[in-house]
Amino acid sequence: MISTQDTKQGTALGYIALLFWACSALFASSVTRIPTFEVLSVAFSISFGATVLVLTLRKQWHQIKQPLILWIIGMIGVYGNDALFIAAFKYAPAAQVDLINYLWPIFVILLAGLLPQEKISPKHLAGALLGLCGTALVILHQTGPHSVYAHYVYGYMLALCDAVVWSIYTITARYYKNVPSTMIGMYCGCGLVLSLIAHFTFEPTIKPHLNELLIMITFGLTSQGSAYFLWDYGVKNGNFKLLSVLSYLNPIISIALLIACGKSQYSDVLIVATLLIASGGALCSLDISAWASQGKRHLTRLTRHFTNVTRH
């Protein structure tokens, strides 16, 4: 039995994880000068090092004894997601990349609907349509230096692939619910090895400025590190429904941070597109039938109450 205090604490920690993830676009757009795999090497080393420390202090190294297929899926999901995410910001404006990436909750619903014993309902199609309209709006609308040019398409495609990869990983992870969150750090360890190999093979090494180095370290500690542990604790001990609702505020928070820090220009179209994508994801996750059933029960109670009052 989880106490009310533990529930509040779990919810608070889960929301901190959401805030860390909302900062991911700001971090990525701030280190575009640094090669992709160099950024990943620093971020993954921080996350992997922190996980090794936690496993050692808690004497929980037995947790990494997982099936090989799980290691492969996790490595592709985490490493592929981060590599595509970081790279996309180098080829297209930050706001557009960020919003395309936030299509992943919609993709999760649509792809899950193709599985056996799952189905796609009208609300899912409506949510997907809202998300796609928001994406088309923000990409096609020309806003000064962020107008549509051919070389942005590569960045958009990377962001779209990122959303697809993460949605597939999320769906697959549903079948491995008992996997400890420390495995994320192990996936980062595998990603670290791959990133170092790719960096020294394909990229030049660029010495980061102090602020860039601090951003990469912060990215590794927060969005790529502690966020996963905080989220795991939050969904297991906090108010999961509340956290699910709060997660759809992330696109709005993320875009607000980009605008506030000068990484993107404010425009009414950008705000409308953000709201469309956030609303699309929220609509896909709404349990409309449960709300209707609950509303019907409340209406029945009110009817009985007024009937009794009238009789008396």
Protein backbone atom coordinates (compact mmCIF):
# COMPACT_ATOMS: atom_id res chain seq x y z
CA MET A 1 0.00 0.00 0.00
CA ILE A 2 1.54 3.30 -1.10
CA SER A 3 0.91 6.20 1.30
CA THR A 4 -0.43 9.58 0.19
CA GLN A 5 2.93 11.17 0.96
CA ASP A 6 4.76 8.60 -1.18
CA THR A 7 2.26 9.19 -3.98
CA LYS A 8 2.86 12.94 -3.89
CA GLN A 9 6.62 12.41 -3.81
CA GLY A 10 6.47 9.95 -6.68
CA THR A 11 4.35 12.32 -8.75
CA ALA A 12 6.72 15.22 -8.06
CA LEU A 13 9.78 13.19 -9.04
CA GLY A 14 8.03 11.94 -12.18
CA TYR A 15 7.25 15.51 -13.19
CA ILE A 16 10.89 16.51 -12.67
CA ALA A 17 11.76 13.81 -15.21
CA LEU A 18 9.28 15.37 -17.65
CA LEU A 19 10.89 18.78 -17.14
CA PHE A 20 14.33 17.29 -17.83
CA TRP A 21 13.04 15.81 -21.09
CA ALA A 22 11.41 19.12 -22.00
CA CYS A 23 14.91 20.63 -21.88
CA SER A 24 16.33 18.11 -24.36
CA ALA A 25 15.67 20.26 -27.43
CA LEU A 26 17.32 23.26 -25.77
CA PHE A 27 20.38 21.16 -24.95
CA ALA A 28 20.60 19.67 -28.45
CA SER A 29 20.18 23.02 -30.20
CA SER A 30 22.95 24.52 -28.05
CA VAL A 31 25.66 22.08 -29.16
CA THR A 32 25.10 21.92 -32.92
CA ARG A 33 28.73 23.00 -33.45
CA ILE A 34 29.94 19.75 -31.89
CA PRO A 35 29.81 16.53 -34.00
CA THR A 36 26.87 14.25 -33.21
CA PHE A 37 28.81 11.24 -31.94
CA GLU A 38 31.12 13.42 -29.87
CA VAL A 39 28.07 14.85 -28.08
CA LEU A 40 26.69 11.36 -27.56
CA SER A 41 30.02 10.09 -26.23
CA VAL A 42 30.05 12.72 -23.49
CA ALA A 43 26.36 12.32 -22.61
CA PHE A 44 26.45 8.52 -22.63
CA SER A 45 29.62 8.40 -20.52
CA ILE A 46 27.93 10.49 -17.83
CA SER A 47 24.78 8.37 -17.82
CA PHE A 48 26.70 5.08 -17.93
CA GLY A 49 29.08 6.21 -15.18
CA ALA A 50 26.18 7.21 -12.93
CA THR A 51 24.48 3.85 -13.49
CA VAL A 52 27.67 1.94 -12.69
CA LEU A 53 27.97 3.94 -9.46
CA VAL A 54 24.35 3.19 -8.48
CA LEU A 55 24.66 -0.52 -9.23
CA THR A 56 27.90 -0.74 -7.27
CA LEU A 57 26.62 1.13 -4.21
CA ARG A 58 23.38 -0.89 -4.14
CA LYS A 59 25.13 -4.14 -5.05
CA GLN A 60 22.57 -4.77 -7.78
CA TRP A 61 24.75 -5.90 -10.67
CA HIS A 62 22.55 -8.98 -11.00
CA GLN A 63 19.93 -6.70 -12.58
CA ILE A 64 21.82 -6.53 -15.87
CA LYS A 65 21.38 -10.27 -16.47
CA GLN A 66 18.76 -9.86 -19.16
CA PRO A 67 17.99 -11.72 -22.43
CA LEU A 68 20.16 -10.78 -25.41
CA ILE A 69 17.13 -9.66 -27.40
CA LEU A 70 16.37 -7.11 -24.68
CA TRP A 71 19.89 -5.68 -24.92
CA ILE A 72 19.55 -5.38 -28.70
CA ILE A 73 16.11 -3.73 -28.55
CA GLY A 74 17.17 -1.36 -25.79
CA MET A 75 20.40 -0.37 -27.50
CA ILE A 76 18.66 0.34 -30.81
CA GLY A 77 15.88 2.25 -29.06
CA VAL A 78 18.02 4.43 -26.80
CA TYR A 79 21.08 4.83 -29.02
CA GLY A 80 19.10 5.19 -32.23
CA ASN A 81 16.73 7.68 -30.64
CA ASP A 82 19.47 9.92 -29.26
CA ALA A 83 21.66 9.76 -32.37
CA LEU A 84 18.79 10.78 -34.64
CA PHE A 85 17.61 13.43 -32.17
CA ILE A 86 21.00 15.15 -31.82
CA ALA A 87 21.75 14.95 -35.55
CA ALA A 88 18.39 16.42 -36.61
CA PHE A 89 19.11 19.76 -34.92
CA LYS A 90 22.18 20.22 -37.10
CA TYR A 91 20.15 20.28 -40.32
CA ALA A 92 16.88 22.05 -39.51
CA PRO A 93 15.46 24.76 -37.22
CA ALA A 94 15.10 23.70 -33.59
CA ALA A 95 11.35 24.31 -33.21
CA GLN A 96 10.41 22.31 -36.29
CA VAL A 97 12.65 19.40 -35.30
CA ASP A 98 11.29 19.43 -31.77
CA LEU A 99 7.65 19.37 -32.83
CA ILE A 100 8.18 16.61 -35.39
CA ASN A 101 9.86 14.56 -32.66
CA TYR A 102 6.81 15.07 -30.42
CA LEU A 103 4.70 13.10 -32.89
CA TRP A 104 5.98 9.92 -31.21
CA PRO A 105 3.04 9.55 -28.76
CA ILE A 106 0.68 9.58 -31.74
CA PHE A 107 2.81 7.02 -33.57
CA VAL A 108 2.73 4.80 -30.48
CA ILE A 109 -1.07 4.75 -30.54
CA LEU A 110 -1.30 4.19 -34.30
CA LEU A 111 1.35 1.46 -34.43
CA ALA A 112 -0.07 -0.28 -31.36
CA GLY A 113 -3.43 -0.33 -33.13
CA LEU A 114 -1.93 -2.59 -35.79
CA LEU A 115 -1.07 -5.28 -33.24
CA PRO A 116 -3.32 -8.30 -32.55
CA GLN A 117 -6.16 -7.59 -30.10
CA GLU A 118 -5.63 -3.85 -30.56
CA LYS A 119 -7.66 -1.48 -32.68
CA ILE A 120 -7.56 2.07 -33.99
CA SER A 121 -10.59 4.13 -33.01
CA PRO A 122 -11.92 7.39 -34.51
CA LYS A 123 -10.33 9.38 -31.66
CA HIS A 124 -6.93 7.96 -32.63
CA LEU A 125 -7.41 9.04 -36.23
CA ALA A 126 -8.60 12.47 -35.09
CA GLY A 127 -5.58 12.85 -32.81
CA ALA A 128 -3.22 11.79 -35.59
CA LEU A 129 -4.85 14.29 -37.95
CA LEU A 130 -4.36 17.10 -35.42
CA GLY A 131 -0.71 16.17 -34.99
CA LEU A 132 -0.07 15.97 -38.72
CA CYS A 133 -1.82 19.31 -39.29
CA GLY A 134 0.37 20.90 -36.65
CA THR A 135 3.50 19.44 -38.23
CA ALA A 136 2.54 20.54 -41.74
CA LEU A 137 1.71 24.01 -40.45
CA VAL A 138 5.04 24.57 -38.71
CA ILE A 139 7.09 23.18 -41.61
CA LEU A 140 5.32 24.90 -44.49
CA HIS A 141 4.88 28.29 -42.86
CA GLN A 142 7.76 30.60 -43.74
CA THR A 143 9.11 32.68 -40.87
CA GLY A 144 12.14 34.74 -41.85
CA PRO A 145 15.38 32.77 -41.57
CA HIS A 146 13.45 29.60 -40.78
CA SER A 147 11.71 29.42 -44.15
CA VAL A 148 11.57 26.09 -45.92
CA TYR A 149 14.71 25.23 -47.87
CA ALA A 150 15.67 21.93 -49.43
CA HIS A 151 18.50 21.27 -46.98
CA TYR A 152 16.05 21.33 -44.06
CA VAL A 153 14.34 18.21 -45.39
CA TYR A 154 17.20 16.02 -44.15
CA GLY A 155 16.76 17.34 -40.63
CA TYR A 156 13.01 16.82 -40.81
CA MET A 157 13.48 13.23 -41.96
CA LEU A 158 15.92 12.54 -39.11
CA ALA A 159 13.40 13.92 -36.61
CA LEU A 160 10.61 11.83 -38.13
CA CYS A 161 12.74 8.68 -38.03
CA ASP A 162 13.57 9.50 -34.41
CA ALA A 163 9.87 9.65 -33.54
CA VAL A 164 9.24 6.33 -35.29
CA VAL A 165 12.21 4.59 -33.63
CA TRP A 166 11.20 5.74 -30.16
CA SER A 167 7.56 4.79 -30.69
CA ILE A 168 8.55 1.27 -31.80
CA TYR A 169 10.85 0.95 -28.79
CA THR A 170 8.06 2.15 -26.48
CA ILE A 171 5.62 -0.42 -27.87
CA THR A 172 8.19 -3.20 -27.58
CA ALA A 173 9.03 -2.18 -24.01
CA ARG A 174 5.41 -2.91 -23.03
CA TYR A 175 6.23 -6.61 -23.23
CA TYR A 176 9.17 -6.28 -20.82
CA LYS A 177 7.53 -4.48 -17.91
CA ASN A 178 9.77 -5.99 -15.23
CA VAL A 179 13.03 -4.69 -16.70
CA PRO A 180 14.80 -2.42 -14.14
CA SER A 181 15.39 1.20 -15.13
CA THR A 182 19.13 0.71 -14.57
CA MET A 183 19.20 -1.11 -17.91
CA ILE A 184 18.88 2.31 -19.58
CA GLY A 185 22.35 3.07 -18.24
CA MET A 186 23.63 -0.19 -19.69
CA TYR A 187 22.16 0.69 -23.08
CA CYS A 188 23.98 4.01 -22.77
CA GLY A 189 27.18 2.07 -22.09
CA CYS A 190 26.72 0.19 -25.37
CA GLY A 191 25.89 3.47 -27.06
CA LEU A 192 29.08 4.97 -25.65
CA VAL A 193 31.20 2.30 -27.33
CA LEU A 194 29.38 2.71 -30.65
CA SER A 195 29.59 6.51 -30.44
CA LEU A 196 33.34 6.48 -29.79
CA ILE A 197 33.92 4.14 -32.74
CA ALA A 198 31.72 6.24 -35.04
CA HIS A 199 33.26 9.51 -33.84
CA PHE A 200 36.89 8.54 -34.38
CA THR A 201 36.01 6.86 -37.70
CA PHE A 202 33.77 9.47 -39.35
CA GLU A 203 34.04 12.76 -37.45
CA PRO A 204 36.66 15.35 -36.56
CA THR A 205 37.14 16.08 -32.88
CA ILE A 206 36.13 19.64 -32.00
CA LYS A 207 37.16 21.02 -28.65
CA PRO A 208 33.96 22.26 -26.97
CA HIS A 209 33.74 25.63 -25.31
CA LEU A 210 33.17 25.56 -21.57
CA ASN A 211 29.45 26.28 -21.91
CA GLU A 212 29.07 23.53 -24.53
CA LEU A 213 30.87 21.04 -22.31
CA LEU A 214 28.65 21.95 -19.37
CA ILE A 215 25.55 21.51 -21.54
CA MET A 216 26.67 18.05 -22.68
CA ILE A 217 27.40 17.02 -19.09
CA THR A 218 24.02 18.38 -17.97
CA PHE A 219 22.32 16.51 -20.81
CA GLY A 220 23.96 13.28 -19.64
CA LEU A 221 23.03 13.87 -16.01
CA THR A 222 19.43 14.94 -16.60
CA SER A 223 17.62 14.09 -19.85
CA GLN A 224 19.81 11.09 -20.59
CA GLY A 225 20.45 9.98 -17.02
CA SER A 226 18.44 10.73 -13.90
CA ALA A 227 15.23 11.41 -15.84
CA TYR A 228 14.78 7.69 -16.55
CA PHE A 229 15.25 6.75 -12.89
CA LEU A 230 12.91 9.53 -11.69
CA TRP A 231 10.27 8.56 -14.25
CA ASP A 232 10.49 4.90 -13.29
CA TYR A 233 9.96 5.80 -9.62
CA GLY A 234 7.18 8.22 -10.51
CA VAL A 235 5.07 5.82 -12.60
CA LYS A 236 5.43 3.07 -9.98
CA ASN A 237 4.74 5.18 -6.88
CA GLY A 238 3.06 8.39 -8.04
CA ASN A 239 -0.19 9.36 -9.71
CA PHE A 240 0.31 7.78 -13.14
CA LYS A 241 -2.82 9.30 -14.69
CA LEU A 242 -1.75 12.79 -13.63
CA LEU A 243 1.76 12.23 -14.97
CA SER A 244 0.30 11.03 -18.28
CA VAL A 245 -1.72 14.23 -18.60
CA LEU A 246 1.24 16.41 -17.62
CA SER A 247 3.42 14.73 -20.24
CA TYR A 248 1.36 16.36 -23.00
CA LEU A 249 2.46 19.77 -21.73
CA ASN A 250 6.05 18.93 -22.71
CA PRO A 251 5.83 20.18 -26.31
CA ILE A 252 4.53 23.52 -25.02
CA ILE A 253 7.24 23.78 -22.35
CA SER A 254 9.95 22.74 -24.79
CA ILE A 255 8.96 25.31 -27.43
CA ALA A 256 8.64 28.00 -24.74
CA LEU A 257 12.22 27.27 -23.61
CA LEU A 258 13.52 27.45 -27.18
CA ILE A 259 11.85 30.83 -27.71
CA ALA A 260 12.92 32.21 -24.31
CA CYS A 261 16.56 31.22 -24.91
CA GLY A 262 16.66 32.61 -28.43
CA LYS A 263 16.87 29.24 -30.20
CA SER A 264 13.63 29.84 -32.07
CA GLN A 265 11.57 32.83 -33.16
CA TYR A 266 8.11 33.43 -31.73
CA SER A 267 5.21 33.27 -34.15
CA ASP A 268 1.50 32.69 -33.81
CA VAL A 269 1.77 29.81 -36.27
CA LEU A 270 4.40 28.10 -34.11
CA ILE A 271 2.17 28.35 -31.04
CA VAL A 272 -0.87 27.01 -32.93
CA ALA A 273 1.19 24.12 -34.32
CA THR A 274 2.49 23.30 -30.84
CA LEU A 275 -1.04 23.24 -29.41
CA LEU A 276 -2.27 21.06 -32.29
CA ILE A 277 0.46 18.46 -31.76
CA ALA A 278 0.05 18.46 -27.96
CA SER A 279 -3.74 18.19 -28.33
CA GLY A 280 -3.40 15.38 -30.86
CA GLY A 281 -1.30 13.31 -28.48
CA ALA A 282 -3.65 14.01 -25.58
CA LEU A 283 -6.72 13.10 -27.64
CA CYS A 284 -5.20 9.75 -28.62
CA SER A 285 -4.71 8.84 -24.96
CA LEU A 286 -8.10 9.95 -23.65
CA ASP A 287 -10.38 7.20 -22.39
CA ILE A 288 -13.56 8.72 -23.77
CA SER A 289 -15.70 5.67 -23.00
CA ALA A 290 -14.68 5.78 -19.34
CA TRP A 291 -15.48 9.49 -19.17
CA ALA A 292 -18.85 8.89 -20.81
CA SER A 293 -19.63 6.07 -18.38
CA GLN A 294 -18.62 8.21 -15.42
CA GLY A 295 -20.67 11.12 -16.72
CA LYS A 296 -23.68 8.85 -17.16
CA ARG A 297 -23.38 7.67 -13.54
CA HIS A 298 -23.19 11.25 -12.27
CA LEU A 299 -26.19 12.22 -14.41
CA THR A 300 -28.18 9.28 -13.03
CA ARG A 301 -27.36 10.30 -9.45
CA LEU A 302 -28.37 13.90 -10.13
CA THR A 303 -31.64 12.76 -11.72
CA ARG A 304 -32.46 10.59 -8.70
CA HIS A 305 -31.57 13.44 -6.35
CA PHE A 306 -33.83 15.95 -8.09
CA THR A 307 -36.60 13.33 -8.30
CA ASN A 308 -36.44 12.78 -4.54
CA VAL A 309 -36.40 16.53 -3.90
CA THR A 310 -39.46 17.00 -6.11
CA ARG A 311 -41.37 14.25 -4.30
CA HIS A 312 -40.68 15.81 -0.93
